[in-house]
PDB file of N, CA and C in Angstrom:
ATOM      1  N   MET A   1      -5.759 -21.265  17.757  1.00  0.00           N
ATOM      2  CA  MET A   1      -5.976 -20.017  18.428  1.00  0.00           C
ATOM      3  C   MET A   1      -6.724 -19.077  17.493  1.00  0.00           C
ATOM      4  N   GLN A   2      -7.884 -18.587  17.905  1.00  0.00           N
ATOM      5  CA  GLN A   2      -8.651 -17.688  17.048  1.00  0.00           C
ATOM      6  C   GLN A   2      -8.109 -16.273  17.156  1.00  0.00           C
ATOM      7  N   VAL A   3      -7.940 -15.656  16.006  1.00  0.00           N
ATOM      8  CA  VAL A   3      -7.411 -14.300  15.929  1.00  0.00           C
ATOM      9  C   VAL A   3      -8.505 -13.323  15.518  1.00  0.00           C
ATOM     10  N   SER A   4      -9.368 -13.742  14.609  1.00  0.00           N
ATOM     11  CA  SER A   4     -10.376 -12.854  14.035  1.00  0.00           C
ATOM     12  C   SER A   4     -11.564 -12.650  14.970  1.00  0.00           C
ATOM     13  N   ASP A   5     -12.326 -11.582  14.681  1.00  0.00           N
ATOM     14  CA  ASP A   5     -13.560 -11.312  15.425  1.00  0.00           C
ATOM     15  C   ASP A   5     -14.754 -12.021  14.813  1.00  0.00           C
ATOM     16  N   GLY A   6     -14.662 -12.342  13.526  1.00  0.00           N
ATOM     17  CA  GLY A   6     -15.809 -12.947  12.870  1.00  0.00           C
ATOM     18  C   GLY A   6     -15.434 -13.890  11.756  1.00  0.00           C
ATOM     19  N   GLY A   7     -14.305 -14.520  11.876  1.00  0.00           N
ATOM     20  CA  GLY A   7     -13.857 -15.441  10.841  1.00  0.00           C
ATOM     21  C   GLY A   7     -12.976 -14.745   9.834  1.00  0.00           C
ATOM     22  N   GLY A   8     -12.206 -15.529   9.121  1.00  0.00           N
ATOM     23  CA  GLY A   8     -11.307 -14.982   8.114  1.00  0.00           C
ATOM     24  C   GLY A   8     -10.688 -16.112   7.321  1.00  0.00           C
ATOM     25  N   VAL A   9     -10.147 -15.743   6.180  1.00  0.00           N
ATOM     26  CA  VAL A   9      -9.508 -16.730   5.301  1.00  0.00           C
ATOM     27  C   VAL A   9      -8.187 -16.165   4.803  1.00  0.00           C
ATOM     28  N   GLN A  10      -7.400 -17.001   4.219  1.00  0.00           N
ATOM     29  CA  GLN A  10      -6.145 -16.672   3.565  1.00  0.00           C
ATOM     30  C   GLN A  10      -5.170 -15.909   4.466  1.00  0.00           C
ATOM     31  N   PRO A  11      -4.803 -16.478   5.607  1.00  0.00           N
ATOM     32  CA  PRO A  11      -3.856 -15.786   6.489  1.00  0.00           C
ATOM     33  C   PRO A  11      -2.442 -15.765   5.915  1.00  0.00           C
ATOM     34  N   ARG A  12      -1.725 -14.683   6.169  1.00  0.00           N
ATOM     35  CA  ARG A  12      -0.322 -14.530   5.766  1.00  0.00           C
ATOM     36  C   ARG A  12       0.403 -13.829   6.902  1.00  0.00           C
ATOM     37  N   TRP A  13       1.604 -14.275   7.210  1.00  0.00           N
ATOM     38  CA  TRP A  13       2.427 -13.637   8.237  1.00  0.00           C
ATOM     39  C   TRP A  13       3.233 -12.505   7.640  1.00  0.00           C
ATOM     40  N   SER A  14       3.477 -11.462   8.431  1.00  0.00           N
ATOM     41  CA  SER A  14       4.412 -10.417   8.023  1.00  0.00           C
ATOM     42  C   SER A  14       5.800 -11.029   7.995  1.00  0.00           C
ATOM     43  N   ARG A  15       6.746 -10.355   7.359  1.00  0.00           N
ATOM     44  CA  ARG A  15       8.101 -10.894   7.231  1.00  0.00           C
ATOM     45  C   ARG A  15       8.790 -11.048   8.584  1.00  0.00           C
ATOM     46  N   ASN A  16       8.437 -10.205   9.555  1.00  0.00           N
ATOM     47  CA  ASN A  16       9.064 -10.315  10.876  1.00  0.00           C
ATOM     48  C   ASN A  16       8.252 -11.183  11.842  1.00  0.00           C
ATOM     49  N   SER A  17       7.165 -11.773  11.362  1.00  0.00           N
ATOM     50  CA  SER A  17       6.301 -12.682  12.140  1.00  0.00           C
ATOM     51  C   SER A  17       5.689 -12.018  13.369  1.00  0.00           C
ATOM     52  N   ARG A  18       5.535 -10.709  13.351  1.00  0.00           N
ATOM     53  CA  ARG A  18       4.918 -10.004  14.473  1.00  0.00           C
ATOM     54  C   ARG A  18       3.509  -9.541  14.162  1.00  0.00           C
ATOM     55  N   GLU A  19       3.043  -9.863  12.951  1.00  0.00           N
ATOM     56  CA  GLU A  19       1.708  -9.461  12.541  1.00  0.00           C
ATOM     57  C   GLU A  19       1.171 -10.507  11.586  1.00  0.00           C
ATOM     58  N   ILE A  20      -0.123 -10.790  11.705  1.00  0.00           N
ATOM     59  CA  ILE A  20      -0.765 -11.718  10.780  1.00  0.00           C
ATOM     60  C   ILE A  20      -1.848 -10.954  10.032  1.00  0.00           C
ATOM     61  N   TYR A  21      -1.930 -11.202   8.726  1.00  0.00           N
ATOM     62  CA  TYR A  21      -2.922 -10.568   7.879  1.00  0.00           C
ATOM     63  C   TYR A  21      -3.895 -11.640   7.415  1.00  0.00           C
ATOM     64  N   TYR A  22      -5.152 -11.239   7.204  1.00  0.00           N
ATOM     65  CA  TYR A  22      -6.131 -12.177   6.667  1.00  0.00           C
ATOM     66  C   TYR A  22      -7.267 -11.393   6.033  1.00  0.00           C
ATOM     67  N   ARG A  23      -8.063 -12.101   5.248  1.00  0.00           N
ATOM     68  CA  ARG A  23      -9.227 -11.522   4.597  1.00  0.00           C
ATOM     69  C   ARG A  23     -10.453 -11.896   5.407  1.00  0.00           C
ATOM     70  N   GLY A  24     -11.238 -10.892   5.765  1.00  0.00           N
ATOM     71  CA  GLY A  24     -12.442 -11.175   6.534  1.00  0.00           C
ATOM     72  C   GLY A  24     -13.426 -10.025   6.482  1.00  0.00           C
ATOM     73  N   GLY A  25     -14.702 -10.345   6.304  1.00  0.00           N
ATOM     74  CA  GLY A  25     -15.742  -9.338   6.310  1.00  0.00           C
ATOM     75  C   GLY A  25     -15.605  -8.280   5.233  1.00  0.00           C
ATOM     76  N   GLY A  26     -15.063  -8.635   4.085  1.00  0.00           N
ATOM     77  CA  GLY A  26     -14.909  -7.679   2.998  1.00  0.00           C
ATOM     78  C   GLY A  26     -13.741  -6.723   3.178  1.00  0.00           C
ATOM     79  N   HIS A  27     -12.807  -7.077   4.067  1.00  0.00           N
ATOM     80  CA  HIS A  27     -11.649  -6.224   4.328  1.00  0.00           C
ATOM     81  C   HIS A  27     -10.382  -7.056   4.441  1.00  0.00           C
ATOM     82  N   LEU A  28      -9.249  -6.405   4.284  1.00  0.00           N
ATOM     83  CA  LEU A  28      -7.980  -7.018   4.636  1.00  0.00           C
ATOM     84  C   LEU A  28      -7.686  -6.532   6.051  1.00  0.00           C
ATOM     85  N   VAL A  29      -7.382  -7.463   6.931  1.00  0.00           N
ATOM     86  CA  VAL A  29      -7.279  -7.187   8.360  1.00  0.00           C
ATOM     87  C   VAL A  29      -5.891  -7.596   8.855  1.00  0.00           C
ATOM     88  N   ALA A  30      -5.409  -6.908   9.889  1.00  0.00           N
ATOM     89  CA  ALA A  30      -4.124  -7.237  10.518  1.00  0.00           C
ATOM     90  C   ALA A  30      -4.323  -7.366  12.019  1.00  0.00           C
ATOM     91  N   ALA A  31      -3.582  -8.297  12.608  1.00  0.00           N
ATOM     92  CA  ALA A  31      -3.558  -8.441  14.065  1.00  0.00           C
ATOM     93  C   ALA A  31      -2.107  -8.630  14.482  1.00  0.00           C
ATOM     94  N   THR A  32      -1.693  -7.882  15.500  1.00  0.00           N
ATOM     95  CA  THR A  32      -0.313  -7.983  15.980  1.00  0.00           C
ATOM     96  C   THR A  32      -0.158  -9.202  16.875  1.00  0.00           C
ATOM     97  N   LEU A  33       1.071  -9.658  17.009  1.00  0.00           N
ATOM     98  CA  LEU A  33       1.387 -10.799  17.849  1.00  0.00           C
ATOM     99  C   LEU A  33       2.471 -10.398  18.839  1.00  0.00           C
ATOM    100  N   ASP A  34       2.201 -10.668  20.116  1.00  0.00           N
ATOM    101  CA  ASP A  34       3.205 -10.470  21.163  1.00  0.00           C
ATOM    102  C   ASP A  34       3.582 -11.848  21.678  1.00  0.00           C
ATOM    103  N   ALA A  35       4.761 -12.309  21.316  1.00  0.00           N
ATOM    104  CA  ALA A  35       5.229 -13.637  21.731  1.00  0.00           C
ATOM    105  C   ALA A  35       6.363 -13.528  22.739  1.00  0.00           C
ATOM    106  N   SER A  36       6.507 -12.341  23.341  1.00  0.00           N
ATOM    107  CA  SER A  36       7.623 -12.133  24.266  1.00  0.00           C
ATOM    108  C   SER A  36       7.393 -12.814  25.619  1.00  0.00           C
ATOM    109  N   ARG A  37       6.142 -13.097  25.926  1.00  0.00           N
ATOM    110  CA  ARG A  37       5.822 -13.790  27.180  1.00  0.00           C
ATOM    111  C   ARG A  37       5.616 -15.267  26.890  1.00  0.00           C
ATOM    112  N   GLY A  38       5.181 -16.014  27.862  1.00  0.00           N
ATOM    113  CA  GLY A  38       4.981 -17.459  27.690  1.00  0.00           C
ATOM    114  C   GLY A  38       4.004 -17.811  26.585  1.00  0.00           C
ATOM    115  N   ASP A  39       2.755 -17.374  26.709  1.00  0.00           N
ATOM    116  CA  ASP A  39       1.735 -17.671  25.708  1.00  0.00           C
ATOM    117  C   ASP A  39       1.629 -16.515  24.722  1.00  0.00           C
ATOM    118  N   PRO A  40       1.447 -16.821  23.442  1.00  0.00           N
ATOM    119  CA  PRO A  40       1.301 -15.739  22.468  1.00  0.00           C
ATOM    120  C   PRO A  40      -0.001 -14.970  22.700  1.00  0.00           C
ATOM    121  N   VAL A  41       0.052 -13.666  22.506  1.00  0.00           N
ATOM    122  CA  VAL A  41      -1.121 -12.806  22.674  1.00  0.00           C
ATOM    123  C   VAL A  41      -1.317 -12.001  21.400  1.00  0.00           C
ATOM    124  N   PHE A  42      -2.507 -12.119  20.796  1.00  0.00           N
ATOM    125  CA  PHE A  42      -2.823 -11.362  19.590  1.00  0.00           C
ATOM    126  C   PHE A  42      -3.565 -10.095  19.967  1.00  0.00           C
ATOM    127  N   GLY A  43      -3.222  -9.004  19.292  1.00  0.00           N
ATOM    128  CA  GLY A  43      -3.917  -7.735  19.491  1.00  0.00           C
ATOM    129  C   GLY A  43      -5.255  -7.739  18.788  1.00  0.00           C
ATOM    130  N   LYS A  44      -6.039  -6.707  19.051  1.00  0.00           N
ATOM    131  CA  LYS A  44      -7.338  -6.569  18.402  1.00  0.00           C
ATOM    132  C   LYS A  44      -7.142  -6.401  16.902  1.00  0.00           C
ATOM    133  N   PRO A  45      -7.880  -7.159  16.098  1.00  0.00           N
ATOM    134  CA  PRO A  45      -7.751  -7.032  14.645  1.00  0.00           C
ATOM    135  C   PRO A  45      -8.087  -5.621  14.178  1.00  0.00           C
ATOM    136  N   THR A  46      -7.284  -5.125  13.225  1.00  0.00           N
ATOM    137  CA  THR A  46      -7.442  -3.790  12.677  1.00  0.00           C
ATOM    138  C   THR A  46      -7.702  -3.884  11.182  1.00  0.00           C
ATOM    139  N   THR A  47      -8.743  -3.224  10.711  1.00  0.00           N
ATOM    140  CA  THR A  47      -9.043  -3.197   9.282  1.00  0.00           C
ATOM    141  C   THR A  47      -8.026  -2.315   8.577  1.00  0.00           C
ATOM    142  N   LEU A  48      -7.396  -2.845   7.532  1.00  0.00           N
ATOM    143  CA  LEU A  48      -6.406  -2.086   6.769  1.00  0.00           C
ATOM    144  C   LEU A  48      -7.045  -1.375   5.584  1.00  0.00           C
ATOM    145  N   PHE A  49      -7.845  -2.114   4.797  1.00  0.00           N
ATOM    146  CA  PHE A  49      -8.525  -1.514   3.654  1.00  0.00           C
ATOM    147  C   PHE A  49      -9.596  -2.469   3.153  1.00  0.00           C
ATOM    148  N   ALA A  50     -10.505  -1.914   2.339  1.00  0.00           N
ATOM    149  CA  ALA A  50     -11.571  -2.723   1.756  1.00  0.00           C
ATOM    150  C   ALA A  50     -10.969  -3.772   0.838  1.00  0.00           C
ATOM    151  N   ASP A  51     -11.513  -4.966   0.911  1.00  0.00           N
ATOM    152  CA  ASP A  51     -11.000  -6.080   0.103  1.00  0.00           C
ATOM    153  C   ASP A  51     -11.878  -6.262  -1.117  1.00  0.00           C
ATOM    154  N   ASP A  52     -11.588  -5.509  -2.167  1.00  0.00           N
ATOM    155  CA  ASP A  52     -12.327  -5.654  -3.415  1.00  0.00           C
ATOM    156  C   ASP A  52     -11.441  -6.301  -4.470  1.00  0.00           C
ATOM    157  N   TYR A  53     -10.619  -7.235  -4.020  1.00  0.00           N
ATOM    158  CA  TYR A  53      -9.669  -7.918  -4.888  1.00  0.00           C
ATOM    159  C   TYR A  53     -10.146  -9.326  -5.188  1.00  0.00           C
ATOM    160  N   ASP A  54      -9.655  -9.881  -6.261  1.00  0.00           N
ATOM    161  CA  ASP A  54     -10.077 -11.194  -6.722  1.00  0.00           C
ATOM    162  C   ASP A  54      -9.679 -12.284  -5.729  1.00  0.00           C
ATOM    163  N   PHE A  55     -10.554 -13.248  -5.521  1.00  0.00           N
ATOM    164  CA  PHE A  55     -10.279 -14.332  -4.602  1.00  0.00           C
ATOM    165  C   PHE A  55      -9.589 -15.516  -5.256  1.00  0.00           C
ATOM    166  N   GLY A  56      -9.764 -15.728  -6.528  1.00  0.00           N
ATOM    167  CA  GLY A  56      -9.146 -16.877  -7.173  1.00  0.00           C
ATOM    168  C   GLY A  56      -9.961 -18.142  -6.937  1.00  0.00           C
ATOM    169  N   ALA A  57      -9.354 -19.284  -7.214  1.00  0.00           N
ATOM    170  CA  ALA A  57     -10.072 -20.558  -7.191  1.00  0.00           C
ATOM    171  C   ALA A  57     -10.357 -21.083  -5.790  1.00  0.00           C
ATOM    172  N   GLY A  58      -9.415 -20.963  -4.861  1.00  0.00           N
ATOM    173  CA  GLY A  58      -9.609 -21.544  -3.544  1.00  0.00           C
ATOM    174  C   GLY A  58      -9.595 -20.494  -2.448  1.00  0.00           C
ATOM    175  N   ALA A  59     -10.463 -20.636  -1.478  1.00  0.00           N
ATOM    176  CA  ALA A  59     -10.528 -19.656  -0.392  1.00  0.00           C
ATOM    177  C   ALA A  59      -9.452 -19.891   0.652  1.00  0.00           C
ATOM    178  N   SER A  60      -8.821 -21.064   0.655  1.00  0.00           N
ATOM    179  CA  SER A  60      -7.855 -21.369   1.710  1.00  0.00           C
ATOM    180  C   SER A  60      -6.414 -20.998   1.342  1.00  0.00           C
ATOM    181  N   ILE A  61      -6.120 -20.863   0.064  1.00  0.00           N
ATOM    182  CA  ILE A  61      -4.763 -20.527  -0.373  1.00  0.00           C
ATOM    183  C   ILE A  61      -4.727 -19.040  -0.720  1.00  0.00           C
ATOM    184  N   ALA A  62      -3.900 -18.290  -0.024  1.00  0.00           N
ATOM    185  CA  ALA A  62      -3.843 -16.845  -0.253  1.00  0.00           C
ATOM    186  C   ALA A  62      -3.355 -16.531  -1.646  1.00  0.00           C
ATOM    187  N   ASN A  63      -4.063 -15.639  -2.336  1.00  0.00           N
ATOM    188  CA  ASN A  63      -3.613 -15.198  -3.648  1.00  0.00           C
ATOM    189  C   ASN A  63      -3.120 -13.758  -3.573  1.00  0.00           C
ATOM    190  N   TYR A  64      -2.539 -13.433  -2.420  1.00  0.00           N
ATOM    191  CA  TYR A  64      -1.884 -12.147  -2.229  1.00  0.00           C
ATOM    192  C   TYR A  64      -0.637 -12.397  -1.394  1.00  0.00           C
ATOM    193  N   ASP A  65       0.226 -11.388  -1.322  1.00  0.00           N
ATOM    194  CA  ASP A  65       1.410 -11.525  -0.485  1.00  0.00           C
ATOM    195  C   ASP A  65       1.762 -10.162   0.084  1.00  0.00           C
ATOM    196  N   VAL A  66       2.623 -10.177   1.082  1.00  0.00           N
ATOM    197  CA  VAL A  66       3.078  -8.963   1.741  1.00  0.00           C
ATOM    198  C   VAL A  66       4.572  -8.843   1.488  1.00  0.00           C
ATOM    199  N   THR A  67       4.982  -7.698   0.979  1.00  0.00           N
ATOM    200  CA  THR A  67       6.395  -7.475   0.691  1.00  0.00           C
ATOM    201  C   THR A  67       7.154  -7.173   1.984  1.00  0.00           C
ATOM    202  N   PRO A  68       8.476  -7.265   1.980  1.00  0.00           N
ATOM    203  CA  PRO A  68       9.247  -7.000   3.194  1.00  0.00           C
ATOM    204  C   PRO A  68       8.999  -5.613   3.803  1.00  0.00           C
ATOM    205  N   ASP A  69       8.641  -4.629   2.953  1.00  0.00           N
ATOM    206  CA  ASP A  69       8.382  -3.288   3.486  1.00  0.00           C
ATOM    207  C   ASP A  69       6.922  -3.074   3.880  1.00  0.00           C
ATOM    208  N   GLY A  70       6.128  -4.154   3.894  1.00  0.00           N
ATOM    209  CA  GLY A  70       4.747  -4.080   4.371  1.00  0.00           C
ATOM    210  C   GLY A  70       3.709  -3.723   3.327  1.00  0.00           C
ATOM    211  N   ARG A  71       4.084  -3.678   2.066  1.00  0.00           N
ATOM    212  CA  ARG A  71       3.118  -3.413   1.007  1.00  0.00           C
ATOM    213  C   ARG A  71       2.470  -4.722   0.587  1.00  0.00           C
ATOM    214  N   PHE A  72       1.327  -4.601  -0.067  1.00  0.00           N
ATOM    215  CA  PHE A  72       0.574  -5.781  -0.481  1.00  0.00           C
ATOM    216  C   PHE A  72       0.597  -5.928  -1.992  1.00  0.00           C
ATOM    217  N   ILE A  73       0.685  -7.175  -2.433  1.00  0.00           N
ATOM    218  CA  ILE A  73       0.565  -7.516  -3.845  1.00  0.00           C
ATOM    219  C   ILE A  73      -0.712  -8.336  -3.949  1.00  0.00           C
ATOM    220  N   MET A  74      -1.690  -7.787  -4.686  1.00  0.00           N
ATOM    221  CA  MET A  74      -2.986  -8.451  -4.802  1.00  0.00           C
ATOM    222  C   MET A  74      -3.442  -8.384  -6.252  1.00  0.00           C
ATOM    223  N   ILE A  75      -4.378  -9.233  -6.599  1.00  0.00           N
ATOM    224  CA  ILE A  75      -4.916  -9.255  -7.949  1.00  0.00           C
ATOM    225  C   ILE A  75      -6.276  -8.574  -7.924  1.00  0.00           C
ATOM    226  N   ARG A  76      -6.427  -7.555  -8.773  1.00  0.00           N
ATOM    227  CA  ARG A  76      -7.720  -6.873  -8.909  1.00  0.00           C
ATOM    228  C   ARG A  76      -8.228  -7.134 -10.315  1.00  0.00           C
ATOM    229  N   ARG A  77      -9.444  -7.602 -10.393  1.00  0.00           N
ATOM    230  CA  ARG A  77     -10.047  -7.883 -11.693  1.00  0.00           C
ATOM    231  C   ARG A  77     -10.696  -6.615 -12.219  1.00  0.00           C
ATOM    232  N   GLY A  78     -10.398  -6.267 -13.457  1.00  0.00           N
ATOM    233  CA  GLY A  78     -10.984  -5.082 -14.075  1.00  0.00           C
ATOM    234  C   GLY A  78     -12.464  -5.276 -14.362  1.00  0.00           C
ATOM    235  N   THR A  79     -13.196  -4.184 -14.533  1.00  0.00           N
ATOM    236  CA  THR A  79     -14.631  -4.279 -14.799  1.00  0.00           C
ATOM    237  C   THR A  79     -14.919  -4.923 -16.143  1.00  0.00           C
ATOM    238  N   ASN A  80     -13.977  -4.851 -17.077  1.00  0.00           N
ATOM    239  CA  ASN A  80     -14.163  -5.455 -18.394  1.00  0.00           C
ATOM    240  C   ASN A  80     -13.412  -6.774 -18.530  1.00  0.00           C
ATOM    241  N   GLY A  81     -13.066  -7.399 -17.424  1.00  0.00           N
ATOM    242  CA  GLY A  81     -12.339  -8.660 -17.475  1.00  0.00           C
ATOM    243  C   GLY A  81     -10.850  -8.460 -17.368  1.00  0.00           C
ATOM    244  N   GLY A  82     -10.281  -7.661 -18.238  1.00  0.00           N
ATOM    245  CA  GLY A  82      -8.849  -7.384 -18.185  1.00  0.00           C
ATOM    246  C   GLY A  82      -8.010  -8.579 -18.567  1.00  0.00           C
ATOM    247  N   LYS A  83      -6.723  -8.354 -18.647  1.00  0.00           N
ATOM    248  CA  LYS A  83      -5.779  -9.403 -18.976  1.00  0.00           C
ATOM    249  C   LYS A  83      -4.638  -9.368 -17.973  1.00  0.00           C
ATOM    250  N   LEU A  84      -4.125 -10.518 -17.653  1.00  0.00           N
ATOM    251  CA  LEU A  84      -2.966 -10.625 -16.789  1.00  0.00           C
ATOM    252  C   LEU A  84      -1.758 -10.901 -17.667  1.00  0.00           C
ATOM    253  N   ARG A  85      -0.732 -10.058 -17.538  1.00  0.00           N
ATOM    254  CA  ARG A  85       0.476 -10.248 -18.322  1.00  0.00           C
ATOM    255  C   ARG A  85       1.597 -10.664 -17.388  1.00  0.00           C
ATOM    256  N   VAL A  86       2.233 -11.747 -17.720  1.00  0.00           N
ATOM    257  CA  VAL A  86       3.361 -12.247 -16.952  1.00  0.00           C
ATOM    258  C   VAL A  86       4.595 -12.128 -17.823  1.00  0.00           C
ATOM    259  N   ILE A  87       5.598 -11.462 -17.300  1.00  0.00           N
ATOM    260  CA  ILE A  87       6.828 -11.271 -18.060  1.00  0.00           C
ATOM    261  C   ILE A  87       7.913 -12.137 -17.442  1.00  0.00           C
ATOM    262  N   ILE A  88       8.400 -13.079 -18.217  1.00  0.00           N
ATOM    263  CA  ILE A  88       9.440 -13.990 -17.768  1.00  0.00           C
ATOM    264  C   ILE A  88      10.782 -13.463 -18.255  1.00  0.00           C
ATOM    265  N   ASN A  89      11.791 -13.583 -17.423  1.00  0.00           N
ATOM    266  CA  ASN A  89      13.137 -13.113 -17.754  1.00  0.00           C
ATOM    267  C   ASN A  89      13.177 -11.602 -18.021  1.00  0.00           C
ATOM    268  N   TRP A  90      12.387 -10.838 -17.269  1.00  0.00           N
ATOM    269  CA  TRP A  90      12.338  -9.391 -17.478  1.00  0.00           C
ATOM    270  C   TRP A  90      13.672  -8.718 -17.172  1.00  0.00           C
ATOM    271  N   THR A  91      14.480  -9.342 -16.310  1.00  0.00           N
ATOM    272  CA  THR A  91      15.778  -8.733 -15.999  1.00  0.00           C
ATOM    273  C   THR A  91      16.690  -8.749 -17.224  1.00  0.00           C
ATOM    274  N   GLU A  92      16.601  -9.790 -18.037  1.00  0.00           N
ATOM    275  CA  GLU A  92      17.407  -9.859 -19.258  1.00  0.00           C
ATOM    276  C   GLU A  92      16.977  -8.777 -20.243  1.00  0.00           C
ATOM    277  N   GLU A  93      15.671  -8.577 -20.366  1.00  0.00           N
ATOM    278  CA  GLU A  93      15.192  -7.528 -21.255  1.00  0.00           C
ATOM    279  C   GLU A  93      15.636  -6.154 -20.746  1.00  0.00           C
ATOM    280  N   LEU A  94      15.585  -5.947 -19.443  1.00  0.00           N
ATOM    281  CA  LEU A  94      16.029  -4.683 -18.863  1.00  0.00           C
ATOM    282  C   LEU A  94      17.508  -4.438 -19.133  1.00  0.00           C
ATOM    283  N   LYS A  95      18.328  -5.477 -19.001  1.00  0.00           N
ATOM    284  CA  LYS A  95      19.763  -5.344 -19.297  1.00  0.00           C
ATOM    285  C   LYS A  95      19.985  -4.913 -20.748  1.00  0.00           C
ATOM    286  N   GLN A  96      19.219  -5.496 -21.664  1.00  0.00           N
ATOM    287  CA  GLN A  96      19.354  -5.146 -23.080  1.00  0.00           C
ATOM    288  C   GLN A  96      18.929  -3.693 -23.318  1.00  0.00           C
ATOM    289  N   ILE A  97      17.856  -3.271 -22.675  1.00  0.00           N
ATOM    290  CA  ILE A  97      17.386  -1.893 -22.830  1.00  0.00           C
ATOM    291  C   ILE A  97      18.421  -0.917 -22.305  1.00  0.00           C
ATOM    292  N   LEU A  98      18.977  -1.213 -21.131  1.00  0.00           N
ATOM    293  CA  LEU A  98      19.971  -0.331 -20.535  1.00  0.00           C
ATOM    294  C   LEU A  98      21.263  -0.306 -21.356  1.00  0.00           C
ATOM    295  N   ALA A  99      21.645  -1.450 -21.918  1.00  0.00           N
ATOM    296  CA  ALA A  99      22.850  -1.513 -22.755  1.00  0.00           C
ATOM    297  C   ALA A  99      22.664  -0.679 -24.030  1.00  0.00           C
ATOM    298  N   ALA A 100      21.433  -0.528 -24.478  1.00  0.00           N
ATOM    299  CA  ALA A 100      21.132   0.256 -25.684  1.00  0.00           C
ATOM    300  C   ALA A 100      20.919   1.727 -25.330  1.00  0.00           C
ATOM    301  N   GLY A 101      21.245   2.107 -24.126  1.00  0.00           N
ATOM    302  CA  GLY A 101      21.113   3.514 -23.728  1.00  0.00           C
ATOM    303  C   GLY A 101      19.753   3.850 -23.137  1.00  0.00           C
ATOM    304  N   GLY A 102      19.015   2.832 -22.741  1.00  0.00           N
ATOM    305  CA  GLY A 102      17.717   3.074 -22.113  1.00  0.00           C
ATOM    306  C   GLY A 102      16.590   3.302 -23.090  1.00  0.00           C
ATOM    307  N   ILE A 103      16.848   3.005 -24.372  1.00  0.00           N
ATOM    308  CA  ILE A 103      15.822   3.192 -25.390  1.00  0.00           C
ATOM    309  C   ILE A 103      15.342   1.833 -25.850  1.00  0.00           C
ATOM    310  N   ARG A 104      14.074   1.686 -25.945  1.00  0.00           N
ATOM    311  CA  ARG A 104      13.502   0.416 -26.353  1.00  0.00           C
ATOM    312  C   ARG A 104      13.269   0.368 -27.830  1.00  0.00           C
TER     313      ARG A 104
END
């Protein structure tokens, strides 16, 4: 079933499965889903914001996600390349900071 007006990649469902998001035409786009009747009906796609975020290695696997409250987590590449920092076990470090009175 086609949802987009002009093609799109990297679709992701909202947490309640009533909206689908995808990248298309240089924008992040959303389309609502009405599945209350027999056949599903998608609403007209709505542009959410300009998509100036990094695509990553593959166009078919989404490199963004939608949080339960509807916010987006995306990767933006800095003009000077930038660095990506991944913090593992950050909750343990937070516990230690809080146990020390919130001082690092």
